[in-house]
C-alpha atoms as a PDB file:
ATOM      1  CA  MET A   1      -6.419  20.162  -9.828  1.00  0.00           C
ATOM      2  CA  PRO A   2      -4.593  18.729  -6.792  1.00  0.00           C
ATOM      3  CA  GLU A   3      -0.728  18.457  -6.921  1.00  0.00           C
ATOM      4  CA  ASP A   4       0.333  15.509  -9.143  1.00  0.00           C
ATOM      5  CA  PHE A   5      -3.006  14.589  -9.729  1.00  0.00           C
ATOM      6  CA  TYR A   6      -2.408  13.256 -13.548  1.00  0.00           C
ATOM      7  CA  ARG A   7       0.776  11.183 -12.132  1.00  0.00           C
ATOM      8  CA  TYR A   8      -1.790   9.435  -9.725  1.00  0.00           C
ATOM      9  CA  LEU A   9      -3.967   8.646 -12.351  1.00  0.00           C
ATOM     10  CA  SER A  10      -1.137   7.311 -14.542  1.00  0.00           C
ATOM     11  CA  GLN A  11      -0.169   5.189 -11.901  1.00  0.00           C
ATOM     12  CA  ILE A  12      -4.006   3.634 -11.520  1.00  0.00           C
ATOM     13  CA  GLU A  13      -4.006   3.239 -15.436  1.00  0.00           C
ATOM     14  CA  ARG A  14      -0.691   1.127 -15.044  1.00  0.00           C
ATOM     15  CA  THR A  15      -2.142  -1.253 -12.093  1.00  0.00           C
ATOM     16  CA  LEU A  16      -5.352  -1.912 -13.902  1.00  0.00           C
ATOM     17  CA  ASP A  17      -3.216  -3.800 -16.505  1.00  0.00           C
ATOM     18  CA  ASP A  18      -1.698  -5.911 -13.990  1.00  0.00           C
ATOM     19  CA  PRO A  19      -3.990  -8.797 -12.983  1.00  0.00           C
ATOM     20  CA  VAL A  20      -1.959  -9.936 -10.241  1.00  0.00           C
ATOM     21  CA  TYR A  21      -2.311  -6.355  -8.772  1.00  0.00           C
ATOM     22  CA  ILE A  22      -6.007  -6.502  -9.150  1.00  0.00           C
ATOM     23  CA  ALA A  23      -6.451  -9.862  -7.574  1.00  0.00           C
ATOM     24  CA  LEU A  24      -4.291  -8.560  -4.638  1.00  0.00           C
ATOM     25  CA  ILE A  25      -6.524  -5.322  -4.377  1.00  0.00           C
ATOM     26  CA  LYS A  26      -9.486  -7.442  -4.413  1.00  0.00           C
ATOM     27  CA  ARG A  27      -8.242  -9.884  -1.472  1.00  0.00           C
ATOM     28  CA  TRP A  28      -7.229  -6.768   0.455  1.00  0.00           C
ATOM     29  CA  SER A  29     -10.744  -5.563   0.404  1.00  0.00           C
ATOM     30  CA  GLN A  30     -12.099  -8.628   1.738  1.00  0.00           C
ATOM     31  CA  ALA A  31      -9.532  -8.844   4.329  1.00  0.00           C
ATOM     32  CA  GLY A  32     -11.189  -5.736   5.924  1.00  0.00           C
ATOM     33  CA  ASP A  33     -13.549  -8.428   7.349  1.00  0.00           C
ATOM     34  CA  TRP A  34     -10.944 -10.431   8.830  1.00  0.00           C
ATOM     35  CA  GLU A  35      -9.646 -10.370  12.211  1.00  0.00           C
ATOM     36  CA  ALA A  36      -6.080  -9.225  12.667  1.00  0.00           C
ATOM     37  CA  ASP A  37      -4.989 -12.605  13.923  1.00  0.00           C
ATOM     38  CA  ASP A  38      -6.164 -14.628  11.066  1.00  0.00           C
ATOM     39  CA  PRO A  39      -3.448 -16.624   9.322  1.00  0.00           C
ATOM     40  CA  ARG A  40      -4.490 -15.239   5.888  1.00  0.00           C
ATOM     41  CA  VAL A  41      -3.508 -11.824   6.729  1.00  0.00           C
ATOM     42  CA  ASP A  42       0.286 -12.981   6.854  1.00  0.00           C
ATOM     43  CA  GLU A  43      -0.241 -14.856   3.727  1.00  0.00           C
ATOM     44  CA  LEU A  44      -1.696 -11.643   1.969  1.00  0.00           C
ATOM     45  CA  ALA A  45       0.979  -9.412   3.090  1.00  0.00           C
ATOM     46  CA  THR A  46       3.586 -11.878   1.948  1.00  0.00           C
ATOM     47  CA  ALA A  47       2.032 -11.974  -1.371  1.00  0.00           C
ATOM     48  CA  TRP A  48       1.655  -7.816  -1.543  1.00  0.00           C
ATOM     49  CA  ALA A  49       5.279  -7.433  -0.749  1.00  0.00           C
ATOM     50  CA  ASP A  50       6.410 -10.216  -3.079  1.00  0.00           C
ATOM     51  CA  HIS A  51       4.633  -8.323  -5.708  1.00  0.00           C
ATOM     52  CA  LEU A  52       5.765  -4.769  -4.798  1.00  0.00           C
ATOM     53  CA  LEU A  53       9.347  -5.985  -4.485  1.00  0.00           C
ATOM     54  CA  ALA A  54       9.075  -7.529  -7.943  1.00  0.00           C
ATOM     55  CA  ASN A  55       7.684  -4.600  -9.459  1.00  0.00           C
ATOM     56  CA  PRO A  56       9.304  -1.588  -7.626  1.00  0.00           C
ATOM     57  CA  SER A  57       7.541   0.949  -9.824  1.00  0.00           C
ATOM     58  CA  LEU A  58       4.135  -0.012  -7.929  1.00  0.00           C
ATOM     59  CA  ILE A  59       6.198   1.671  -4.908  1.00  0.00           C
ATOM     60  CA  THR A  60       5.499   5.267  -5.513  1.00  0.00           C
ATOM     61  CA  THR A  61       4.975   8.188  -3.512  1.00  0.00           C
ATOM     62  CA  LEU A  62       3.498  11.354  -4.745  1.00  0.00           C
ATOM     63  CA  PRO A  63       6.514  13.899  -5.172  1.00  0.00           C
ATOM     64  CA  GLY A  64       4.447  16.852  -3.734  1.00  0.00           C
ATOM     65  CA  LEU A  65       4.314  14.598  -0.361  1.00  0.00           C
ATOM     66  CA  ARG A  66       8.077  14.272  -0.123  1.00  0.00           C
ATOM     67  CA  THR A  67       8.498  18.079  -0.822  1.00  0.00           C
ATOM     68  CA  ARG A  68       5.690  19.492   1.580  1.00  0.00           C
ATOM     69  CA  HIS A  69       6.791  20.225   5.183  1.00  0.00           C
ATOM     70  CA  ASP A  70       3.709  18.171   6.039  1.00  0.00           C
ATOM     71  CA  GLY A  71       4.068  15.322   3.519  1.00  0.00           C
ATOM     72  CA  ALA A  72       4.821  13.007   6.090  1.00  0.00           C
ATOM     73  CA  ALA A  73       1.794  13.819   8.146  1.00  0.00           C
ATOM     74  CA  ARG A  74      -0.238  13.533   5.004  1.00  0.00           C
ATOM     75  CA  GLY A  75       1.173  10.300   3.671  1.00  0.00           C
ATOM     76  CA  GLU A  76       0.662   8.683   7.052  1.00  0.00           C
ATOM     77  CA  LEU A  77      -3.030   9.852   7.019  1.00  0.00           C
ATOM     78  CA  LEU A  78      -3.112   8.229   3.619  1.00  0.00           C
ATOM     79  CA  SER A  79      -1.658   4.762   4.353  1.00  0.00           C
ATOM     80  CA  HIS A  80      -3.361   4.562   7.288  1.00  0.00           C
ATOM     81  CA  HIS A  81      -6.988   5.420   6.342  1.00  0.00           C
ATOM     82  CA  GLY A  82      -9.731   3.435   7.716  1.00  0.00           C
ATOM     83  CA  GLU A  83      -7.275   1.141  10.019  1.00  0.00           C
ATOM     84  CA  ASP A  84      -8.915   1.661  13.026  1.00  0.00           C
ATOM     85  CA  GLN A  85     -12.508   0.078  11.618  1.00  0.00           C
ATOM     86  CA  LYS A  86     -10.386  -2.892  10.078  1.00  0.00           C
ATOM     87  CA  PRO A  87      -7.504  -4.298  12.303  1.00  0.00           C
ATOM     88  CA  ALA A  88      -6.476  -6.860   9.571  1.00  0.00           C
ATOM     89  CA  TRP A  89      -5.652  -3.782   7.305  1.00  0.00           C
ATOM     90  CA  THR A  90      -3.394  -2.455   9.870  1.00  0.00           C
ATOM     91  CA  ARG A  91      -1.642  -5.638  10.535  1.00  0.00           C
ATOM     92  CA  MET A  92      -1.235  -5.853   6.963  1.00  0.00           C
ATOM     93  CA  THR A  93       0.273  -2.752   6.458  1.00  0.00           C
ATOM     94  CA  VAL A  94       2.915  -3.134   9.230  1.00  0.00           C
ATOM     95  CA  LEU A  95       3.925  -6.658   7.816  1.00  0.00           C
ATOM     96  CA  ILE A  96       4.381  -5.114   4.032  1.00  0.00           C
ATOM     97  CA  GLU A  97       6.139  -2.119   5.366  1.00  0.00           C
ATOM     98  CA  ALA A  98       8.475  -4.330   7.472  1.00  0.00           C
ATOM     99  CA  ARG A  99       9.296  -6.584   4.625  1.00  0.00           C
ATOM    100  CA  LEU A 100       9.886  -3.527   2.039  1.00  0.00           C
ATOM    101  CA  HIS A 101      12.021  -2.070   4.830  1.00  0.00           C
ATOM    102  CA  ALA A 102      14.136  -5.228   5.266  1.00  0.00           C
ATOM    103  CA  ALA A 103      14.509  -5.479   1.531  1.00  0.00           C
ATOM    104  CA  GLY A 104      16.002  -1.909   1.708  1.00  0.00           C
ATOM    105  CA  ILE A 105      13.333   0.123   0.321  1.00  0.00           C
ATOM    106  CA  GLU A 106      12.190   3.094   2.851  1.00  0.00           C
ATOM    107  CA  MET A 107       8.467   3.860   2.948  1.00  0.00           C
ATOM    108  CA  PRO A 108       7.750   7.784   3.297  1.00  0.00           C
END
């Protein structure tokens, strides 16, 4: 069983009870078809950042990624998987991370 697998499943279970989170996930998926400069990207990134800031328990990193010598690289791969094919996702990720960073939250 992968490291922290059950913790990951618990986090998924909590998010399934959050209708705003589910709506954001659906919009994120749709955004994969948008151009990076589509104004909806900014709107969705703001909605995501606002929801994460209001619900900090959603901002988690698997502890195993923090303690591994290659944890930062693995976290980066997980965070940015598929962005080459979906430029709007890349832009949203950057905008969300910047907003969280401005609020004092460091992303791994």
